[in-house]
Amino acid sequence: GGVTRRAEHTVIPDRIVAGTLLCAAAA
């Protein structure tokens, strides 16, 4: 249960994109 309301949210950073970019730099 719960009464819904207007909301604003910021998505967390993408840990897999970050890791992929770091791997590209390492390679």
PDB file of all heavy atoms in Angstrom:
ATOM      1  N   GLY A   1       0.806  -1.212   0.000  1.00  0.00           N
ATOM      2  CA  GLY A   1       0.000   0.000   0.000  1.00  0.00           C
ATOM      3  C   GLY A   1       0.839   1.261   0.000  1.00  0.00           C
ATOM      4  O   GLY A   1       2.065   1.229   0.009  1.00  0.00           O
ATOM      5  N   GLY A   2       0.172   2.388  -0.047  1.00  0.00           N
ATOM      6  CA  GLY A   2       0.852   3.676  -0.100  1.00  0.00           C
ATOM      7  C   GLY A   2       0.108   4.603  -1.046  1.00  0.00           C
ATOM      8  O   GLY A   2      -0.573   4.154  -1.972  1.00  0.00           O
ATOM      9  N   VAL A   3       0.226   5.892  -0.804  1.00  0.00           N
ATOM     10  CA  VAL A   3      -0.410   6.902  -1.653  1.00  0.00           C
ATOM     11  C   VAL A   3       0.659   7.485  -2.565  1.00  0.00           C
ATOM     12  O   VAL A   3       1.643   8.064  -2.096  1.00  0.00           O
ATOM     13  CB  VAL A   3      -1.065   8.013  -0.804  1.00  0.00           C
ATOM     14  CG1 VAL A   3      -1.689   9.068  -1.712  1.00  0.00           C
ATOM     15  CG2 VAL A   3      -2.107   7.419   0.139  1.00  0.00           C
ATOM     16  N   THR A   4       0.462   7.312  -3.867  1.00  0.00           N
ATOM     17  CA  THR A   4       1.489   7.760  -4.805  1.00  0.00           C
ATOM     18  C   THR A   4       1.474   9.276  -4.948  1.00  0.00           C
ATOM     19  O   THR A   4       0.472   9.938  -4.692  1.00  0.00           O
ATOM     20  CB  THR A   4       1.295   7.109  -6.184  1.00  0.00           C
ATOM     21  OG1 THR A   4       0.009   7.448  -6.697  1.00  0.00           O
ATOM     22  CG2 THR A   4       1.427   5.607  -6.091  1.00  0.00           C
ATOM     23  N   ARG A   5       2.619   9.800  -5.384  1.00  0.00           N
ATOM     24  CA  ARG A   5       2.776  11.248  -5.511  1.00  0.00           C
ATOM     25  C   ARG A   5       3.713  11.557  -6.669  1.00  0.00           C
ATOM     26  O   ARG A   5       4.376  10.671  -7.204  1.00  0.00           O
ATOM     27  CB  ARG A   5       3.343  11.824  -4.218  1.00  0.00           C
ATOM     28  CG  ARG A   5       4.662  11.193  -3.785  1.00  0.00           C
ATOM     29  CD  ARG A   5       5.123  11.690  -2.429  1.00  0.00           C
ATOM     30  NE  ARG A   5       6.384  11.071  -2.037  1.00  0.00           N
ATOM     31  CZ  ARG A   5       6.571  10.430  -0.887  1.00  0.00           C
ATOM     32  NH1 ARG A   5       5.572  10.303  -0.022  1.00  0.00           N
ATOM     33  NH2 ARG A   5       7.754   9.918  -0.589  1.00  0.00           N
ATOM     34  N   ARG A   6       3.764  12.831  -7.047  1.00  0.00           N
ATOM     35  CA  ARG A   6       4.689  13.271  -8.075  1.00  0.00           C
ATOM     36  C   ARG A   6       6.113  12.990  -7.593  1.00  0.00           C
ATOM     37  O   ARG A   6       6.419  13.138  -6.403  1.00  0.00           O
ATOM     38  CB  ARG A   6       4.508  14.756  -8.361  1.00  0.00           C
ATOM     39  CG  ARG A   6       5.362  15.260  -9.506  1.00  0.00           C
ATOM     40  CD  ARG A   6       5.259  16.781  -9.651  1.00  0.00           C
ATOM     41  NE  ARG A   6       6.006  17.238 -10.817  1.00  0.00           N
ATOM     42  CZ  ARG A   6       7.319  17.424 -10.842  1.00  0.00           C
ATOM     43  NH1 ARG A   6       8.046  17.176  -9.761  1.00  0.00           N
ATOM     44  NH2 ARG A   6       7.913  17.842 -11.946  1.00  0.00           N
ATOM     45  N   ALA A   7       6.977  12.600  -8.514  1.00  0.00           N
ATOM     46  CA  ALA A   7       8.339  12.251  -8.107  1.00  0.00           C
ATOM     47  C   ALA A   7       9.334  12.741  -9.145  1.00  0.00           C
ATOM     48  O   ALA A   7       9.024  12.885 -10.330  1.00  0.00           O
ATOM     49  CB  ALA A   7       8.471  10.739  -7.933  1.00  0.00           C
ATOM     50  N   GLU A   8      10.557  12.990  -8.670  1.00  0.00           N
ATOM     51  CA  GLU A   8      11.678  13.357  -9.535  1.00  0.00           C
ATOM     52  C   GLU A   8      12.877  12.540  -9.091  1.00  0.00           C
ATOM     53  O   GLU A   8      13.185  12.478  -7.897  1.00  0.00           O
ATOM     54  CB  GLU A   8      11.961  14.851  -9.432  1.00  0.00           C
ATOM     55  CG  GLU A   8      12.940  15.369 -10.471  1.00  0.00           C
ATOM     56  CD  GLU A   8      12.892  16.886 -10.625  1.00  0.00           C
ATOM     57  OE1 GLU A   8      12.026  17.520  -9.997  1.00  0.00           O
ATOM     58  OE2 GLU A   8      13.720  17.422 -11.388  1.00  0.00           O
ATOM     59  N   HIS A   9      13.545  11.915 -10.047  1.00  0.00           N
ATOM     60  CA  HIS A   9      14.601  10.950  -9.715  1.00  0.00           C
ATOM     61  C   HIS A   9      15.746  11.061 -10.710  1.00  0.00           C
ATOM     62  O   HIS A   9      15.519  11.288 -11.905  1.00  0.00           O
ATOM     63  CB  HIS A   9      14.021   9.529  -9.748  1.00  0.00           C
ATOM     64  CG  HIS A   9      14.984   8.457  -9.362  1.00  0.00           C
ATOM     65  ND1 HIS A   9      15.265   8.131  -8.052  1.00  0.00           N
ATOM     66  CD2 HIS A   9      15.759   7.632 -10.129  1.00  0.00           C
ATOM     67  CE1 HIS A   9      16.153   7.146  -8.026  1.00  0.00           C
ATOM     68  NE2 HIS A   9      16.481   6.833  -9.273  1.00  0.00           N
ATOM     69  N   THR A  10      16.974  10.889 -10.216  1.00  0.00           N
ATOM     70  CA  THR A  10      18.158  10.836 -11.080  1.00  0.00           C
ATOM     71  C   THR A  10      18.728   9.427 -11.031  1.00  0.00           C
ATOM     72  O   THR A  10      19.013   8.892  -9.953  1.00  0.00           O
ATOM     73  CB  THR A  10      19.218  11.851 -10.634  1.00  0.00           C
ATOM     74  OG1 THR A  10      18.671  13.171 -10.721  1.00  0.00           O
ATOM     75  CG2 THR A  10      20.454  11.774 -11.528  1.00  0.00           C
ATOM     76  N   VAL A  11      18.886   8.823 -12.195  1.00  0.00           N
ATOM     77  CA  VAL A  11      19.378   7.444 -12.296  1.00  0.00           C
ATOM     78  C   VAL A  11      20.853   7.386 -11.908  1.00  0.00           C
ATOM     79  O   VAL A  11      21.632   8.290 -12.226  1.00  0.00           O
ATOM     80  CB  VAL A  11      19.182   6.923 -13.735  1.00  0.00           C
ATOM     81  CG1 VAL A  11      19.702   5.494 -13.882  1.00  0.00           C
ATOM     82  CG2 VAL A  11      17.713   7.007 -14.140  1.00  0.00           C
ATOM     83  N   ILE A  12      21.247   6.331 -11.206  1.00  0.00           N
ATOM     84  CA  ILE A  12      22.651   6.159 -10.816  1.00  0.00           C
ATOM     85  C   ILE A  12      23.533   5.984 -12.060  1.00  0.00           C
ATOM     86  O   ILE A  12      23.057   5.551 -13.112  1.00  0.00           O
ATOM     87  CB  ILE A  12      22.837   4.958  -9.866  1.00  0.00           C
ATOM     88  CG1 ILE A  12      22.378   3.652 -10.535  1.00  0.00           C
ATOM     89  CG2 ILE A  12      22.135   5.189  -8.545  1.00  0.00           C
ATOM     90  CD1 ILE A  12      22.715   2.394  -9.751  1.00  0.00           C
ATOM     91  N   PRO A  13      24.831   6.296 -11.950  1.00  0.00           N
ATOM     92  CA  PRO A  13      25.743   6.106 -13.091  1.00  0.00           C
ATOM     93  C   PRO A  13      25.865   4.633 -13.472  1.00  0.00           C
ATOM     94  O   PRO A  13      25.734   3.740 -12.634  1.00  0.00           O
ATOM     95  CB  PRO A  13      27.077   6.649 -12.570  1.00  0.00           C
ATOM     96  CG  PRO A  13      26.730   7.535 -11.421  1.00  0.00           C
ATOM     97  CD  PRO A  13      25.502   6.938 -10.805  1.00  0.00           C
ATOM     98  N   ASP A  14      26.132   4.414 -14.749  1.00  0.00           N
ATOM     99  CA  ASP A  14      26.227   3.056 -15.274  1.00  0.00           C
ATOM    100  C   ASP A  14      27.605   2.465 -14.990  1.00  0.00           C
ATOM    101  O   ASP A  14      28.602   2.839 -15.605  1.00  0.00           O
ATOM    102  CB  ASP A  14      25.950   3.063 -16.781  1.00  0.00           C
ATOM    103  CG  ASP A  14      25.633   1.671 -17.315  1.00  0.00           C
ATOM    104  OD1 ASP A  14      26.384   0.729 -16.970  1.00  0.00           O
ATOM    105  OD2 ASP A  14      24.658   1.532 -18.057  1.00  0.00           O
ATOM    106  N   ARG A  15      27.657   1.510 -14.076  1.00  0.00           N
ATOM    107  CA  ARG A  15      28.943   0.915 -13.679  1.00  0.00           C
ATOM    108  C   ARG A  15      29.547   0.074 -14.811  1.00  0.00           C
ATOM    109  O   ARG A  15      30.774  -0.068 -14.891  1.00  0.00           O
ATOM    110  CB  ARG A  15      28.770   0.064 -12.414  1.00  0.00           C
ATOM    111  CG  ARG A  15      27.767  -1.061 -12.537  1.00  0.00           C
ATOM    112  CD  ARG A  15      27.378  -1.610 -11.156  1.00  0.00           C
ATOM    113  NE  ARG A  15      26.297  -2.579 -11.251  1.00  0.00           N
ATOM    114  CZ  ARG A  15      26.457  -3.896 -11.175  1.00  0.00           C
ATOM    115  NH1 ARG A  15      27.667  -4.412 -10.995  1.00  0.00           N
ATOM    116  NH2 ARG A  15      25.426  -4.706 -11.252  1.00  0.00           N
ATOM    117  N   ILE A  16      28.697  -0.457 -15.694  1.00  0.00           N
ATOM    118  CA  ILE A  16      29.222  -1.285 -16.782  1.00  0.00           C
ATOM    119  C   ILE A  16      29.790  -0.401 -17.891  1.00  0.00           C
ATOM    120  O   ILE A  16      30.840  -0.724 -18.472  1.00  0.00           O
ATOM    121  CB  ILE A  16      28.133  -2.228 -17.328  1.00  0.00           C
ATOM    122  CG1 ILE A  16      27.525  -3.048 -16.181  1.00  0.00           C
ATOM    123  CG2 ILE A  16      28.722  -3.135 -18.396  1.00  0.00           C
ATOM    124  CD1 ILE A  16      28.532  -3.866 -15.381  1.00  0.00           C
ATOM    125  N   VAL A  17      29.144   0.697 -18.205  1.00  0.00           N
ATOM    126  CA  VAL A  17      29.708   1.643 -19.176  1.00  0.00           C
ATOM    127  C   VAL A  17      31.042   2.174 -18.663  1.00  0.00           C
ATOM    128  O   VAL A  17      32.020   2.267 -19.415  1.00  0.00           O
ATOM    129  CB  VAL A  17      28.727   2.793 -19.455  1.00  0.00           C
ATOM    130  CG1 VAL A  17      29.404   3.900 -20.269  1.00  0.00           C
ATOM    131  CG2 VAL A  17      27.504   2.281 -20.213  1.00  0.00           C
ATOM    132  N   ALA A  18      31.098   2.524 -17.371  1.00  0.00           N
ATOM    133  CA  ALA A  18      32.357   3.014 -16.795  1.00  0.00           C
ATOM    134  C   ALA A  18      33.456   1.964 -16.947  1.00  0.00           C
ATOM    135  O   ALA A  18      34.573   2.270 -17.384  1.00  0.00           O
ATOM    136  CB  ALA A  18      32.155   3.358 -15.318  1.00  0.00           C
ATOM    137  N   GLY A  19      33.152   0.725 -16.594  1.00  0.00           N
ATOM    138  CA  GLY A  19      34.144  -0.338 -16.719  1.00  0.00           C
ATOM    139  C   GLY A  19      34.567  -0.579 -18.151  1.00  0.00           C
ATOM    140  O   GLY A  19      35.748  -0.831 -18.434  1.00  0.00           O
ATOM    141  N   THR A  20      33.626  -0.482 -19.080  1.00  0.00           N
ATOM    142  CA  THR A  20      33.943  -0.685 -20.493  1.00  0.00           C
ATOM    143  C   THR A  20      34.900   0.385 -21.000  1.00  0.00           C
ATOM    144  O   THR A  20      35.868   0.085 -21.722  1.00  0.00           O
ATOM    145  CB  THR A  20      32.648  -0.682 -21.328  1.00  0.00           C
ATOM    146  OG1 THR A  20      31.777  -1.722 -20.862  1.00  0.00           O
ATOM    147  CG2 THR A  20      32.946  -0.899 -22.803  1.00  0.00           C
ATOM    148  N   LEU A  21      34.652   1.639 -20.645  1.00  0.00           N
ATOM    149  CA  LEU A  21      35.532   2.726 -21.074  1.00  0.00           C
ATOM    150  C   LEU A  21      36.936   2.564 -20.490  1.00  0.00           C
ATOM    151  O   LEU A  21      37.941   2.813 -21.174  1.00  0.00           O
ATOM    152  CB  LEU A  21      34.934   4.071 -20.672  1.00  0.00           C
ATOM    153  CG  LEU A  21      33.644   4.465 -21.403  1.00  0.00           C
ATOM    154  CD1 LEU A  21      33.003   5.674 -20.736  1.00  0.00           C
ATOM    155  CD2 LEU A  21      33.922   4.749 -22.878  1.00  0.00           C
ATOM    156  N   LEU A  22      37.004   2.126 -19.241  1.00  0.00           N
ATOM    157  CA  LEU A  22      38.310   1.900 -18.626  1.00  0.00           C
ATOM    158  C   LEU A  22      39.043   0.744 -19.312  1.00  0.00           C
ATOM    159  O   LEU A  22      40.265   0.802 -19.509  1.00  0.00           O
ATOM    160  CB  LEU A  22      38.142   1.626 -17.134  1.00  0.00           C
ATOM    161  CG  LEU A  22      37.664   2.822 -16.294  1.00  0.00           C
ATOM    162  CD1 LEU A  22      37.278   2.368 -14.891  1.00  0.00           C
ATOM    163  CD2 LEU A  22      38.740   3.908 -16.229  1.00  0.00           C
ATOM    164  N   CYS A  23      38.316  -0.285 -19.702  1.00  0.00           N
ATOM    165  CA  CYS A  23      38.938  -1.403 -20.429  1.00  0.00           C
ATOM    166  C   CYS A  23      39.451  -0.940 -21.791  1.00  0.00           C
ATOM    167  O   CYS A  23      40.516  -1.382 -22.246  1.00  0.00           O
ATOM    168  CB  CYS A  23      37.940  -2.541 -20.595  1.00  0.00           C
ATOM    169  SG  CYS A  23      37.689  -3.520 -19.098  1.00  0.00           S
ATOM    170  N   ALA A  24      38.697  -0.078 -22.467  1.00  0.00           N
ATOM    171  CA  ALA A  24      39.145   0.441 -23.756  1.00  0.00           C
ATOM    172  C   ALA A  24      40.434   1.237 -23.602  1.00  0.00           C
ATOM    173  O   ALA A  24      41.350   1.127 -24.428  1.00  0.00           O
ATOM    174  CB  ALA A  24      38.051   1.312 -24.375  1.00  0.00           C
ATOM    175  N   ALA A  25      40.524   2.012 -22.526  1.00  0.00           N
ATOM    176  CA  ALA A  25      41.758   2.764 -22.259  1.00  0.00           C
ATOM    177  C   ALA A  25      42.913   1.810 -21.970  1.00  0.00           C
ATOM    178  O   ALA A  25      44.033   1.996 -22.462  1.00  0.00           O
ATOM    179  CB  ALA A  25      41.540   3.723 -21.099  1.00  0.00           C
ATOM    180  N   ALA A  26      42.630   0.770 -21.170  1.00  0.00           N
ATOM    181  CA  ALA A  26      43.679  -0.194 -20.820  1.00  0.00           C
ATOM    182  C   ALA A  26      44.187  -0.932 -22.048  1.00  0.00           C
ATOM    183  O   ALA A  26      45.394  -1.172 -22.198  1.00  0.00           O
ATOM    184  CB  ALA A  26      43.146  -1.185 -19.785  1.00  0.00           C
ATOM    185  N   ALA A  27      43.287  -1.295 -22.960  1.00  0.00           N
ATOM    186  CA  ALA A  27      43.669  -2.060 -24.144  1.00  0.00           C
ATOM    187  C   ALA A  27      44.542  -1.258 -25.092  1.00  0.00           C
ATOM    188  O   ALA A  27      45.367  -1.828 -25.824  1.00  0.00           O
ATOM    189  CB  ALA A  27      42.417  -2.539 -24.875  1.00  0.00           C
TER     190      ALA A  27
END
